[in-house]
Amino acid sequence: MNGYRNIDDSLIAEVYRIIEDAWGELQRSLYVQLRTGHFSTRLPDLSLEEAQRRGAFGEQLLVRLSRLPEQQLPHELAISLRLVRFRASTWANEGKWYWHVIDPLGTGCFGVFLPTAYCGGWFLNTVRSRLATFAFTQLGDADRYLGLIADYARLIDQFTARTSGQAQRGIYMPKVQVLQARGLLSAYRRSAEGAITVASDRYDLPSYEGFAAELKQRVRNQIEPAFDRAIVLLSDEYMRSAPDEVGMHQYSGGSDLYADLVKLHTTMDLTPEEVHARGLQRMERIEQSMRQIEADLGFENDTVRFRESLANDPKWRATDEEAITAVFTRYIERLKPRLGEIFFALPESSYSVAPLSEALRGSMTFGFYDPPIRERKEGIYYFNPKNLTKKPLYDLGTLTYHELMPGHHMHFSSQLEDRSLHPFRMNSFVNSYVEGWAEYAATLAGEIGMYEQPVEQYGRLTMDAFLTSRLVVDTGMNAIGWSLEAAREYMRIHSGMSEAEISTETIRYSCDIPGQALAYKLGDTEILSMRQRMSDGLGKHFNLKEFHASVLKPGALPLTDLAWHIDLETERLKKQFGLTSSN
């Protein structure tokens, strides 16, 4: 049956059943559905009952996994089971965590409040992508689409119901987030009709005029009233109960849950206090390098004047979306001739940049990368022109290499295009791996000379300092008791970001998706450490392309499991080259 010698067929059968069951659950995620093109007839359910169902499923899966002798399994199956265990452990908590945090997209990125940019906002953007890719090819599709519109209204009402339920339990958005949430919901309400409307060239069915009229009525009678109910909940009465303070520590049980989120997002056994200390130590090292570049360029002991000179230099500015796109394109083209030096193979799918939707421009700092989907064989980085036109762009190279190649686009595309992987692994999303690889890639770009000018090298250090500041302020606000202003002051001093960026970022960490931002610098540090171990083990036989293949081939994994895999790969290669421990 299985082709594996000396392994009981019933064991292999149970392994495959577990992987298939986990894949079945993962397919409920709208994020995964959009990647695969295999959609449910309904939009996701954000209710407590659904979270409890998923929690019970995760617990059952963990029991089944505990009965398996993983050490007897072939390496690829063992990798899959380790990934299932990670995902099942996350699912098992969803019912318990529901009133504190929720994962609407099913990626493992939990948000505290749904009416926020990176939690509900990103989710609603994905819902819109689902509606935009709906195909009208057979009778009944019109009714199915109208059913999704009713489901969209139900989702917004679930936003309201959960926000109200949180308030009943003393979990109110901080005042600063209430203001952003009102703006976010209002923006989505204003743009609802345009996002849901179906152009006639998409509609390959009869009676388009009747369908379009019915669709407009549903927007008026269902979607807009649902948004109105959500906005009304966040009225002045809600605001009076909202705290001035930020961070999870202020809610009952919030400190313990945040400690769990730190472990989830880093996939390492670290406490918030340990992460905080690492951030402070790392920042000292980064700033030493920054001061050296400032001195080399004639601004010794004068960081303020150096940054003012960059801010006023038109060489590093862009005034509109087209000019910003041109800067991204310059960095993309600079790297392309060098990619063959660091990878055995490149993704088939293309990549580009585009402006972020209007609804998200007030709440997102830079933007986000959207991997290829079945209907669009291209990865797109959606940038925020509202912020990027207000700042010097000497750090746009590092952002390009993080978001596109050799960062997110390289990882997501190679994972989605590898048909040898089980779909459960093809569609895996592990935050520490995803962001750790992207930051490793931005570091790698510097190692091969992509930051050609000292100012671009400074830009890389600025981004490094910004992401490192997250280790300090995320833990500071959520665990240690920092105020919002204390966190913002730390970022003003150390991050190099503009006031607008600092404003949105600190709200993201404290009110939106706490702990998620810890993955970037801790993740890339771990991957660099794995590279060093492989290099030390193989000596002159070390091959950078081989290391990258070893990291990318299994798809996204928890970092502890990736390290296990890389160490086994190192041992395999040592045997291949006839190396012993004494060599």
Protein backbone atom coordinates (compact mmCIF):
# COMPACT_ATOMS: atom_id res chain seq x y z
CA MET A 1 0.00 0.00 0.00
CA ASN A 2 2.48 2.61 1.13
CA GLY A 3 5.86 1.73 -0.35
CA TYR A 4 7.56 2.23 3.03
CA ARG A 5 9.39 -0.86 4.15
CA ASN A 6 9.18 -2.06 7.74
CA ILE A 7 6.37 0.35 8.59
CA ASP A 8 2.94 -0.94 9.46
CA ASP A 9 0.32 -0.10 6.82
CA SER A 10 -2.22 0.87 9.45
CA LEU A 11 0.20 3.46 10.87
CA ILE A 12 0.75 5.05 7.46
CA ALA A 13 -2.99 5.03 6.81
CA GLU A 14 -3.68 6.86 10.06
CA VAL A 15 -0.96 9.40 9.29
CA TYR A 16 -2.59 10.18 5.96
CA ARG A 17 -6.04 10.39 7.55
CA ILE A 18 -4.76 12.91 10.09
CA ILE A 19 -3.10 15.04 7.39
CA GLU A 20 -6.26 14.92 5.26
CA ASP A 21 -8.47 15.84 8.23
CA ALA A 22 -6.19 18.78 9.05
CA TRP A 23 -6.28 19.84 5.40
CA GLY A 24 -10.08 19.66 5.44
CA GLU A 25 -10.17 22.05 8.39
CA LEU A 26 -7.60 24.40 6.87
CA GLN A 27 -9.74 24.65 3.74
CA ARG A 28 -12.39 26.44 5.79
CA SER A 29 -10.01 29.42 5.85
CA LEU A 30 -11.00 32.10 3.35
CA TYR A 31 -7.30 32.89 2.90
CA VAL A 32 -6.66 29.29 1.76
CA GLN A 33 -9.78 29.23 -0.40
CA LEU A 34 -8.58 32.32 -2.24
CA ARG A 35 -5.15 30.72 -2.77
CA THR A 36 -6.60 27.47 -4.13
CA GLY A 37 -9.70 28.73 -5.93
CA HIS A 38 -11.85 26.13 -4.14
CA PHE A 39 -14.50 28.17 -2.38
CA SER A 40 -17.15 27.31 0.13
CA THR A 41 -20.70 28.38 -0.70
CA ARG A 42 -20.60 30.54 2.45
CA LEU A 43 -18.26 33.09 3.92
CA PRO A 44 -16.50 32.25 7.20
CA ASP A 45 -18.35 32.07 10.51
CA LEU A 46 -16.88 34.37 13.19
CA SER A 47 -19.13 33.20 16.02
CA LEU A 48 -18.14 31.79 19.41
CA GLU A 49 -19.82 28.51 18.47
CA GLU A 50 -17.59 28.11 15.43
CA ALA A 51 -14.47 28.91 17.48
CA GLN A 52 -15.52 26.28 20.02
CA ARG A 53 -16.12 23.72 17.25
CA ARG A 54 -12.65 24.35 15.86
CA GLY A 55 -11.20 24.16 19.36
CA ALA A 56 -12.75 20.74 19.92
CA PHE A 57 -11.46 19.57 16.53
CA GLY A 58 -7.94 20.72 17.39
CA GLU A 59 -8.02 18.91 20.75
CA GLN A 60 -9.18 15.68 19.09
CA LEU A 61 -6.42 15.97 16.51
CA LEU A 62 -3.80 16.38 19.25
CA VAL A 63 -5.03 13.20 20.95
CA ARG A 64 -4.69 11.28 17.69
CA LEU A 65 -1.21 12.70 17.11
CA SER A 66 -0.09 11.66 20.59
CA ARG A 67 -0.64 8.01 19.67
CA LEU A 68 1.73 8.07 16.68
CA PRO A 69 5.42 7.01 16.85
CA GLU A 70 6.74 9.93 14.80
CA GLN A 71 10.34 8.68 14.97
CA GLN A 72 9.37 5.65 12.85
CA LEU A 73 8.07 7.75 9.98
CA PRO A 74 9.87 8.89 6.81
CA HIS A 75 11.16 12.43 7.01
CA GLU A 76 8.53 14.04 4.78
CA LEU A 77 5.64 12.51 6.72
CA ALA A 78 7.27 13.51 10.00
CA ILE A 79 7.49 17.12 8.75
CA SER A 80 3.81 17.06 7.83
CA LEU A 81 2.81 15.72 11.24
CA ARG A 82 4.86 18.35 13.03
CA LEU A 83 3.05 21.02 11.04
CA VAL A 84 -0.31 19.40 11.82
CA ARG A 85 0.59 19.43 15.53
CA PHE A 86 1.42 23.13 15.40
CA ARG A 87 -1.83 23.98 13.63
CA ALA A 88 -3.92 21.70 15.86
CA SER A 89 -2.42 23.30 18.97
CA THR A 90 -3.51 26.68 17.66
CA TRP A 91 -7.01 25.50 16.76
CA ALA A 92 -7.39 23.93 20.20
CA ASN A 93 -7.15 27.38 21.79
CA GLU A 94 -9.63 29.24 19.61
CA GLY A 95 -12.72 28.65 21.73
CA LYS A 96 -10.86 29.53 24.95
CA TRP A 97 -9.33 32.66 23.45
CA TYR A 98 -12.43 33.91 21.59
CA TRP A 99 -13.31 36.97 23.68
CA HIS A 100 -9.71 38.12 23.82
CA VAL A 101 -8.43 37.31 20.32
CA ILE A 102 -9.81 35.93 17.07
CA ASP A 103 -8.26 34.67 13.82
CA PRO A 104 -10.78 35.59 11.09
CA LEU A 105 -8.57 34.61 8.13
CA GLY A 106 -7.41 31.31 9.60
CA THR A 107 -3.71 32.12 9.22
CA GLY A 108 -2.82 32.04 12.91
CA CYS A 109 -2.63 35.85 13.19
CA PHE A 110 -4.97 36.66 16.08
CA GLY A 111 -6.45 40.12 16.53
CA VAL A 112 -7.98 41.57 19.67
CA PHE A 113 -10.77 43.60 18.04
CA LEU A 114 -12.40 42.90 14.69
CA PRO A 115 -12.91 46.54 13.58
CA THR A 116 -9.14 47.08 13.16
CA ALA A 117 -6.90 47.30 10.10
CA TYR A 118 -4.80 44.15 10.38
CA CYS A 119 -7.54 41.95 11.88
CA GLY A 120 -10.97 42.75 10.43
CA GLY A 121 -9.69 45.15 7.78
CA TRP A 122 -7.40 42.59 6.17
CA PHE A 123 -10.18 40.04 6.48
CA LEU A 124 -12.74 42.28 4.73
CA ASN A 125 -10.20 42.98 2.00
CA THR A 126 -9.95 39.22 1.49
CA VAL A 127 -13.75 38.94 1.41
CA ARG A 128 -13.76 41.55 -1.34
CA SER A 129 -11.16 39.55 -3.25
CA ARG A 130 -13.46 36.54 -2.95
CA LEU A 131 -16.38 38.49 -4.37
CA ALA A 132 -14.18 39.95 -7.12
CA THR A 133 -13.12 36.45 -8.25
CA PHE A 134 -16.63 34.95 -8.25
CA ALA A 135 -17.33 33.41 -11.67
CA PHE A 136 -20.78 33.64 -13.28
CA THR A 137 -20.82 30.67 -15.63
CA GLN A 138 -23.89 28.57 -14.83
CA LEU A 139 -27.50 28.99 -13.80
CA GLY A 140 -27.72 29.50 -10.07
CA ASP A 141 -24.50 31.50 -9.83
CA ALA A 142 -26.45 34.75 -9.55
CA ASP A 143 -28.40 33.40 -6.57
CA ARG A 144 -25.20 32.07 -5.02
CA TYR A 145 -23.56 35.47 -5.32
CA LEU A 146 -26.57 37.19 -3.78
CA GLY A 147 -26.33 34.65 -0.97
CA LEU A 148 -22.73 35.71 -0.38
CA ILE A 149 -23.90 39.32 -0.15
CA ALA A 150 -26.31 38.34 2.61
CA ASP A 151 -23.43 36.47 4.22
CA TYR A 152 -21.29 39.61 4.03
CA ALA A 153 -23.95 41.47 6.03
CA ARG A 154 -23.98 38.61 8.53
CA LEU A 155 -20.19 38.95 8.92
CA ILE A 156 -20.48 42.64 9.76
CA ASP A 157 -23.16 41.83 12.32
CA GLN A 158 -20.77 39.28 13.82
CA PHE A 159 -18.19 42.08 14.10
CA THR A 160 -20.82 43.98 16.09
CA ALA A 161 -21.89 41.00 18.20
CA ARG A 162 -18.34 40.10 19.22
CA THR A 163 -17.39 43.72 19.96
CA SER A 164 -20.53 44.03 22.11
CA GLY A 165 -19.79 40.72 23.85
CA GLN A 166 -16.26 41.89 24.61
CA ALA A 167 -17.63 45.08 26.16
CA GLN A 168 -19.96 43.03 28.36
CA ARG A 169 -16.83 41.26 29.64
CA GLY A 170 -14.96 44.51 30.26
CA ILE A 171 -12.84 44.30 27.10
CA TYR A 172 -13.19 47.69 25.44
CA MET A 173 -11.06 49.09 22.65
CA PRO A 174 -8.75 51.83 23.84
CA LYS A 175 -10.03 55.27 22.89
CA VAL A 176 -7.35 55.76 20.25
CA GLN A 177 -8.46 52.55 18.51
CA VAL A 178 -12.16 53.48 18.66
CA LEU A 179 -11.44 56.50 16.50
CA GLN A 180 -9.56 54.39 13.95
CA ALA A 181 -12.26 51.70 14.01
CA ARG A 182 -14.98 54.23 13.24
CA GLY A 183 -12.98 55.52 10.29
CA LEU A 184 -12.25 52.02 9.02
CA LEU A 185 -15.88 50.88 9.16
CA SER A 186 -17.08 54.12 7.58
CA ALA A 187 -14.61 53.71 4.71
CA TYR A 188 -15.76 50.16 4.05
CA ARG A 189 -19.39 51.28 4.15
CA ARG A 190 -18.77 54.07 1.64
CA SER A 191 -17.01 51.73 -0.76
CA ALA A 192 -19.32 48.73 -0.30
CA GLU A 193 -21.38 49.20 -3.45
CA GLY A 194 -18.33 49.66 -5.67
CA ALA A 195 -16.63 46.59 -4.20
CA ILE A 196 -19.69 44.35 -4.54
CA THR A 197 -20.99 45.54 -7.91
CA VAL A 198 -20.50 43.07 -10.78
CA ALA A 199 -19.61 44.57 -14.16
CA SER A 200 -21.59 43.30 -17.12
CA ASP A 201 -18.48 41.79 -18.76
CA ARG A 202 -18.13 39.41 -15.76
CA TYR A 203 -21.73 38.25 -15.96
CA ASP A 204 -22.14 35.48 -18.55
CA LEU A 205 -25.79 34.85 -17.67
CA PRO A 206 -29.13 36.28 -18.83
CA SER A 207 -31.05 39.09 -17.07
CA TYR A 208 -28.06 41.18 -16.04
CA GLU A 209 -30.20 44.29 -15.45
CA GLY A 210 -32.46 42.48 -12.98
CA PHE A 211 -29.47 40.99 -11.16
CA ALA A 212 -27.69 44.36 -10.94
CA ALA A 213 -30.82 46.02 -9.57
CA GLU A 214 -31.29 43.30 -6.95
CA LEU A 215 -27.64 43.58 -5.98
CA LYS A 216 -27.98 47.32 -5.45
CA GLN A 217 -31.05 46.75 -3.26
CA ARG A 218 -29.17 44.25 -1.11
CA VAL A 219 -26.35 46.71 -0.59
CA ARG A 220 -28.89 49.33 0.52
CA ASN A 221 -31.04 46.99 2.62
CA GLN A 222 -28.45 44.60 4.09
CA ILE A 223 -24.81 45.68 3.78
CA GLU A 224 -25.06 49.39 4.62
CA PRO A 225 -27.42 48.86 7.60
CA ALA A 226 -25.03 46.21 8.97
CA PHE A 227 -22.16 48.71 8.82
CA ASP A 228 -24.40 51.33 10.42
CA ARG A 229 -25.09 48.99 13.35
CA ALA A 230 -21.36 48.38 13.80
CA ILE A 231 -20.59 52.11 13.71
CA VAL A 232 -23.43 52.96 16.12
CA LEU A 233 -22.05 50.49 18.66
CA LEU A 234 -18.84 52.55 18.75
CA SER A 235 -20.81 55.64 19.77
CA ASP A 236 -20.00 58.19 22.43
CA GLU A 237 -21.40 55.86 25.07
CA TYR A 238 -18.86 53.18 24.10
CA MET A 239 -16.13 55.81 24.03
CA ARG A 240 -16.93 56.85 27.61
CA SER A 241 -16.16 53.30 28.77
CA ALA A 242 -13.12 52.88 26.55
CA PRO A 243 -9.78 53.00 28.39
CA ASP A 244 -7.06 55.54 27.76
CA GLU A 245 -4.53 52.79 28.45
CA VAL A 246 -3.43 50.31 25.76
CA GLY A 247 -2.16 46.74 25.79
CA MET A 248 -3.44 43.29 26.67
CA HIS A 249 -2.18 43.40 30.25
CA GLN A 250 -5.12 45.64 31.26
CA TYR A 251 -7.75 42.96 30.53
CA SER A 252 -8.49 40.08 32.87
CA GLY A 253 -6.39 37.14 31.69
CA GLY A 254 -4.72 39.32 29.07
CA SER A 255 -1.17 38.99 30.38
CA ASP A 256 -1.23 35.20 30.30
CA LEU A 257 -2.79 35.18 26.85
CA TYR A 258 -0.18 37.60 25.54
CA ALA A 259 2.56 35.30 26.84
CA ASP A 260 0.92 32.51 24.81
CA LEU A 261 0.82 34.74 21.72
CA VAL A 262 4.54 35.45 22.10
CA LYS A 263 5.23 31.71 21.91
CA LEU A 264 2.77 31.28 19.02
CA HIS A 265 4.23 34.05 16.88
CA THR A 266 7.90 33.33 17.56
CA THR A 267 7.46 29.51 17.71
CA MET A 268 10.10 29.66 20.44
CA ASP A 269 9.91 29.21 24.19
CA LEU A 270 10.44 32.88 25.09
CA THR A 271 8.77 35.10 27.66
CA PRO A 272 7.73 38.69 26.84
CA GLU A 273 10.47 39.91 29.17
CA GLU A 274 13.12 37.90 27.32
CA VAL A 275 11.95 39.28 23.99
CA HIS A 276 12.00 42.81 25.41
CA ALA A 277 15.60 42.38 26.58
CA ARG A 278 16.69 40.98 23.22
CA GLY A 279 15.19 44.00 21.50
CA LEU A 280 17.06 46.46 23.71
CA GLN A 281 20.37 44.66 23.16
CA ARG A 282 19.88 44.41 19.42
CA MET A 283 19.01 48.08 19.13
CA GLU A 284 22.35 49.06 20.69
CA ARG A 285 24.25 47.11 18.02
CA ILE A 286 22.20 48.54 15.14
CA GLU A 287 22.62 52.12 16.28
CA GLN A 288 26.38 51.73 16.51
CA SER A 289 26.40 50.83 12.80
CA MET A 290 24.10 53.75 11.97
CA ARG A 291 26.30 56.24 13.81
CA GLN A 292 29.31 54.99 11.81
CA ILE A 293 27.58 55.68 8.47
CA GLU A 294 26.50 59.13 9.69
CA ALA A 295 30.10 59.91 10.65
CA ASP A 296 31.42 58.60 7.32
CA LEU A 297 29.04 60.96 5.50
CA GLY A 298 30.11 63.98 7.53
CA PHE A 299 27.43 64.02 10.22
CA GLU A 300 29.28 62.69 13.25
CA ASN A 301 27.19 62.97 16.43
CA ASP A 302 24.41 64.72 14.50
CA THR A 303 21.70 62.19 13.64
CA VAL A 304 18.96 64.83 13.52
CA ARG A 305 20.75 66.97 10.92
CA PHE A 306 21.66 63.89 8.86
CA ARG A 307 18.06 62.72 8.68
CA GLU A 308 16.87 66.24 7.90
CA SER A 309 19.30 66.32 4.98
CA LEU A 310 17.87 63.07 3.65
CA ALA A 311 14.29 64.24 4.18
CA ASN A 312 15.00 67.38 2.16
CA ASP A 313 16.90 65.64 -0.66
CA PRO A 314 14.61 65.18 -3.71
CA LYS A 315 16.70 62.16 -4.73
CA TRP A 316 15.04 60.19 -1.94
CA ARG A 317 11.47 61.49 -2.35
CA ALA A 318 8.48 60.54 -4.50
CA THR A 319 5.42 62.73 -4.84
CA ASP A 320 2.80 60.37 -6.27
CA GLU A 321 1.90 56.72 -6.85
CA GLU A 322 3.64 56.56 -10.22
CA ALA A 323 6.90 57.88 -8.79
CA ILE A 324 6.74 55.45 -5.85
CA THR A 325 6.17 52.57 -8.28
CA ALA A 326 9.25 53.66 -10.23
CA VAL A 327 11.40 53.43 -7.08
CA PHE A 328 10.15 49.93 -6.35
CA THR A 329 10.81 48.96 -9.96
CA ARG A 330 14.40 50.23 -9.77
CA TYR A 331 15.16 47.92 -6.86
CA ILE A 332 13.35 45.00 -8.49
CA GLU A 333 15.41 45.36 -11.68
CA ARG A 334 18.65 45.77 -9.73
CA LEU A 335 18.23 42.36 -8.10
CA LYS A 336 17.00 40.30 -11.06
CA PRO A 337 20.43 39.58 -12.63
CA ARG A 338 21.74 38.26 -9.30
CA LEU A 339 18.96 35.86 -8.34
CA GLY A 340 20.59 32.92 -10.11
CA GLU A 341 23.56 33.24 -7.77
CA ILE A 342 21.52 32.48 -4.66
CA PHE A 343 18.73 30.11 -5.79
CA PHE A 344 18.67 26.91 -7.83
CA ALA A 345 15.25 27.78 -9.26
CA LEU A 346 12.96 30.81 -9.35
CA PRO A 347 9.14 30.97 -9.13
CA GLU A 348 7.07 30.84 -12.29
CA SER A 349 4.69 33.56 -11.11
CA SER A 350 5.49 37.22 -11.69
CA TYR A 351 5.37 40.03 -9.14
CA SER A 352 4.62 43.75 -9.05
CA VAL A 353 3.41 46.60 -6.83
CA ALA A 354 0.12 48.51 -6.68
CA PRO A 355 -1.46 51.17 -4.43
CA LEU A 356 -3.30 50.07 -1.29
CA SER A 357 -7.09 50.42 -1.20
CA GLU A 358 -8.40 53.74 0.12
CA ALA A 359 -10.12 52.04 3.09
CA LEU A 360 -6.82 50.78 4.50
CA ARG A 361 -4.60 53.82 3.88
CA GLY A 362 -5.40 55.45 7.20
CA SER A 363 -4.59 52.38 9.29
CA MET A 364 -1.74 50.50 7.58
CA THR A 365 1.84 51.78 7.74
CA PHE A 366 3.43 50.40 4.59
CA GLY A 367 0.98 47.89 3.09
CA PHE A 368 0.95 44.12 2.56
CA TYR A 369 2.02 41.43 0.12
CA ASP A 370 -0.73 39.36 -1.53
CA PRO A 371 0.50 36.02 -2.94
CA PRO A 372 -0.58 34.67 -6.34
CA ILE A 373 -4.01 33.09 -6.62
CA ARG A 374 -5.53 30.85 -9.25
CA GLU A 375 -7.15 33.75 -11.10
CA ARG A 376 -4.06 35.98 -10.80
CA LYS A 377 -0.67 34.35 -11.36
CA GLU A 378 1.11 37.30 -9.86
CA GLY A 379 2.18 38.33 -6.37
CA ILE A 380 1.40 41.96 -5.58
CA TYR A 381 2.74 44.23 -2.89
CA TYR A 382 0.07 46.82 -2.08
CA PHE A 383 1.87 49.96 -0.85
CA ASN A 384 0.43 52.89 1.06
CA PRO A 385 1.01 56.04 -1.03
CA LYS A 386 -0.48 58.20 1.72
CA ASN A 387 2.53 57.47 3.94
CA LEU A 388 5.25 56.90 1.36
CA THR A 389 4.77 60.31 -0.29
CA LYS A 390 5.40 61.97 3.09
CA LYS A 391 8.79 60.43 3.85
CA PRO A 392 12.23 59.91 2.27
CA LEU A 393 12.47 56.53 0.56
CA TYR A 394 16.05 55.51 1.28
CA ASP A 395 14.63 52.39 3.00
CA LEU A 396 12.44 51.33 0.08
CA GLY A 397 15.07 48.89 -1.18
CA THR A 398 14.90 46.82 2.00
CA LEU A 399 11.08 46.95 1.87
CA THR A 400 11.16 45.70 -1.75
CA TYR A 401 13.43 42.77 -0.93
CA HIS A 402 11.37 41.85 2.14
CA GLU A 403 8.02 41.93 0.37
CA LEU A 404 8.84 40.64 -3.12
CA MET A 405 12.06 38.90 -4.23
CA PRO A 406 13.89 37.31 -2.53
CA GLY A 407 11.40 37.66 0.37
CA HIS A 408 7.69 36.92 0.55
CA HIS A 409 7.22 36.33 -3.16
CA MET A 410 10.04 33.80 -3.31
CA HIS A 411 8.67 31.88 -0.34
CA PHE A 412 4.96 31.92 -1.12
CA SER A 413 5.31 31.27 -4.84
CA SER A 414 7.80 28.42 -4.49
CA GLN A 415 5.61 26.84 -1.81
CA LEU A 416 2.41 27.18 -3.85
CA GLU A 417 4.08 25.93 -7.03
CA ASP A 418 5.64 22.80 -5.49
CA ARG A 419 3.26 20.03 -6.53
CA SER A 420 5.22 17.46 -4.53
CA LEU A 421 3.93 19.00 -1.30
CA HIS A 422 0.63 17.94 0.21
CA PRO A 423 -1.89 20.82 -0.14
CA PHE A 424 -1.83 21.17 3.65
CA ARG A 425 1.86 22.12 3.38
CA MET A 426 1.47 24.08 0.15
CA ASN A 427 -0.94 26.38 1.98
CA SER A 428 0.86 26.51 5.30
CA PHE A 429 1.23 29.91 7.02
CA VAL A 430 3.53 30.11 10.06
CA ASN A 431 4.17 33.71 11.06
CA SER A 432 7.71 33.26 12.41
CA TYR A 433 8.79 31.51 9.19
CA VAL A 434 6.90 33.85 6.84
CA GLU A 435 8.27 37.06 8.33
CA GLY A 436 11.57 35.55 9.42
CA TRP A 437 12.34 34.46 5.86
CA ALA A 438 11.32 37.85 4.44
CA GLU A 439 13.65 39.68 6.84
CA TYR A 440 16.43 37.14 6.18
CA ALA A 441 15.92 37.90 2.48
CA ALA A 442 16.30 41.64 3.06
CA THR A 443 19.55 40.93 4.93
CA LEU A 444 20.68 38.60 2.14
CA ALA A 445 20.08 41.37 -0.41
CA GLY A 446 22.59 43.49 1.48
CA GLU A 447 25.11 40.65 1.57
CA ILE A 448 25.12 40.50 -2.24
CA GLY A 449 25.43 44.27 -2.62
CA MET A 450 21.89 45.46 -3.37
CA TYR A 451 22.20 48.47 -1.06
CA GLU A 452 24.78 50.11 -3.29
CA GLN A 453 25.04 53.51 -1.67
CA PRO A 454 25.82 54.28 1.98
CA VAL A 455 22.42 55.97 2.31
CA GLU A 456 20.72 52.75 1.13
CA GLN A 457 22.78 50.79 3.66
CA TYR A 458 21.57 53.29 6.22
CA GLY A 459 18.04 52.64 5.01
CA ARG A 460 18.51 48.93 5.65
CA LEU A 461 19.70 49.70 9.18
CA THR A 462 16.75 52.06 9.65
CA MET A 463 14.33 49.26 8.74
CA ASP A 464 16.26 46.91 11.01
CA ALA A 465 15.94 49.43 13.86
CA PHE A 466 12.24 49.89 13.15
CA LEU A 467 11.53 46.15 13.25
CA THR A 468 13.76 45.74 16.30
CA SER A 469 11.84 48.50 18.07
CA ARG A 470 8.79 46.27 17.75
CA LEU A 471 10.42 43.74 20.09
CA VAL A 472 10.63 46.48 22.69
CA VAL A 473 7.34 48.33 22.30
CA ASP A 474 5.06 45.34 21.54
CA THR A 475 6.17 43.62 24.75
CA GLY A 476 6.38 46.99 26.53
CA MET A 477 2.73 47.90 25.93
CA ASN A 478 1.20 44.43 26.22
CA ALA A 479 3.19 42.92 29.10
CA ILE A 480 5.36 45.43 30.89
CA GLY A 481 2.86 48.28 31.28
CA TRP A 482 4.22 50.92 28.92
CA SER A 483 1.83 53.68 27.93
CA LEU A 484 1.09 54.41 24.29
CA GLU A 485 3.06 57.63 24.54
CA ALA A 486 6.07 55.87 26.10
CA ALA A 487 6.09 53.40 23.19
CA ARG A 488 5.79 56.21 20.65
CA GLU A 489 8.60 58.15 22.29
CA TYR A 490 10.86 55.09 22.13
CA MET A 491 10.08 54.73 18.42
CA ARG A 492 10.66 58.43 17.79
CA ILE A 493 14.13 58.08 19.25
CA HIS A 494 15.10 54.72 17.80
CA SER A 495 12.96 53.66 14.80
CA GLY A 496 13.57 56.39 12.24
CA MET A 497 9.89 56.30 11.28
CA SER A 498 7.64 59.29 10.67
CA GLU A 499 5.03 60.37 13.22
CA ALA A 500 2.21 58.99 11.04
CA GLU A 501 3.92 55.61 10.80
CA ILE A 502 4.64 55.50 14.53
CA SER A 503 0.99 56.29 15.22
CA THR A 504 -0.40 53.41 13.15
CA GLU A 505 2.30 50.94 14.18
CA THR A 506 1.89 51.37 17.93
CA ILE A 507 -1.86 50.89 17.62
CA ARG A 508 -1.21 47.76 15.53
CA TYR A 509 0.88 46.19 18.32
CA SER A 510 -1.28 47.19 21.26
CA CYS A 511 -4.87 47.12 19.95
CA ASP A 512 -4.86 45.11 16.73
CA ILE A 513 -2.62 42.01 16.39
CA PRO A 514 -0.37 41.90 19.47
CA GLY A 515 2.68 39.66 19.27
CA GLN A 516 2.58 39.27 15.48
CA ALA A 517 5.33 41.87 14.95
CA LEU A 518 7.78 39.89 17.10
CA ALA A 519 8.28 37.31 14.35
CA TYR A 520 10.33 39.45 11.97
CA LYS A 521 13.66 39.99 13.72
CA LEU A 522 13.55 36.92 15.94
CA GLY A 523 12.76 34.85 12.85
CA ASP A 524 15.55 36.16 10.65
CA THR A 525 18.04 35.79 13.52
CA GLU A 526 17.10 32.12 13.87
CA ILE A 527 17.42 31.47 10.12
CA LEU A 528 20.83 33.13 10.06
CA SER A 529 21.83 30.93 13.00
CA MET A 530 20.70 27.84 11.08
CA ARG A 531 22.78 28.97 8.09
CA GLN A 532 25.83 29.37 10.29
CA ARG A 533 25.38 25.87 11.75
CA MET A 534 25.11 24.35 8.29
CA SER A 535 28.15 26.33 7.13
CA ASP A 536 30.17 25.24 10.18
CA GLY A 537 29.17 21.62 9.61
CA LEU A 538 29.98 21.54 5.88
CA GLY A 539 32.97 23.88 5.74
CA LYS A 540 34.18 24.35 2.17
CA HIS A 541 31.31 22.19 0.92
CA PHE A 542 28.69 24.68 2.13
CA ASN A 543 26.54 25.97 -0.72
CA LEU A 544 24.26 28.98 -0.20
CA LYS A 545 21.83 27.73 -2.84
CA GLU A 546 21.61 24.40 -1.02
CA PHE A 547 20.82 26.14 2.25
CA HIS A 548 18.07 28.20 0.66
CA ALA A 549 16.61 25.09 -0.97
CA SER A 550 16.67 23.34 2.41
CA VAL A 551 14.77 26.22 4.03
CA LEU A 552 12.21 26.71 1.24
CA LYS A 553 11.56 23.10 0.20
CA PRO A 554 9.43 22.00 3.19
CA GLY A 555 7.27 25.13 3.12
CA ALA A 556 6.49 27.26 6.15
CA LEU A 557 7.29 25.50 9.44
CA PRO A 558 7.63 26.51 13.08
CA LEU A 559 11.24 27.59 13.57
CA THR A 560 12.03 24.74 15.97
CA ASP A 561 10.87 22.25 13.34
CA LEU A 562 12.76 24.08 10.60
CA ALA A 563 15.94 23.89 12.70
CA TRP A 564 15.38 20.15 13.18
CA HIS A 565 14.97 19.75 9.41
CA ILE A 566 18.05 21.87 8.57
CA ASP A 567 20.21 19.91 11.04
CA LEU A 568 19.11 16.63 9.44
CA GLU A 569 19.85 18.06 6.00
CA THR A 570 23.30 19.06 7.21
CA GLU A 571 23.96 15.52 8.41
CA ARG A 572 22.77 14.12 5.07
CA LEU A 573 25.12 16.41 3.17
CA LYS A 574 28.03 15.59 5.49
CA LYS A 575 27.58 11.92 4.66
CA GLN A 576 27.32 12.77 0.97
CA PHE A 577 30.67 14.59 1.12
CA GLY A 578 32.27 11.95 3.33
CA LEU A 579 32.67 14.31 6.27
CA THR A 580 32.97 13.22 9.89
CA SER A 581 32.77 15.29 13.06
CA SER A 582 36.59 15.57 13.05
CA ASN A 583 36.61 16.99 9.50
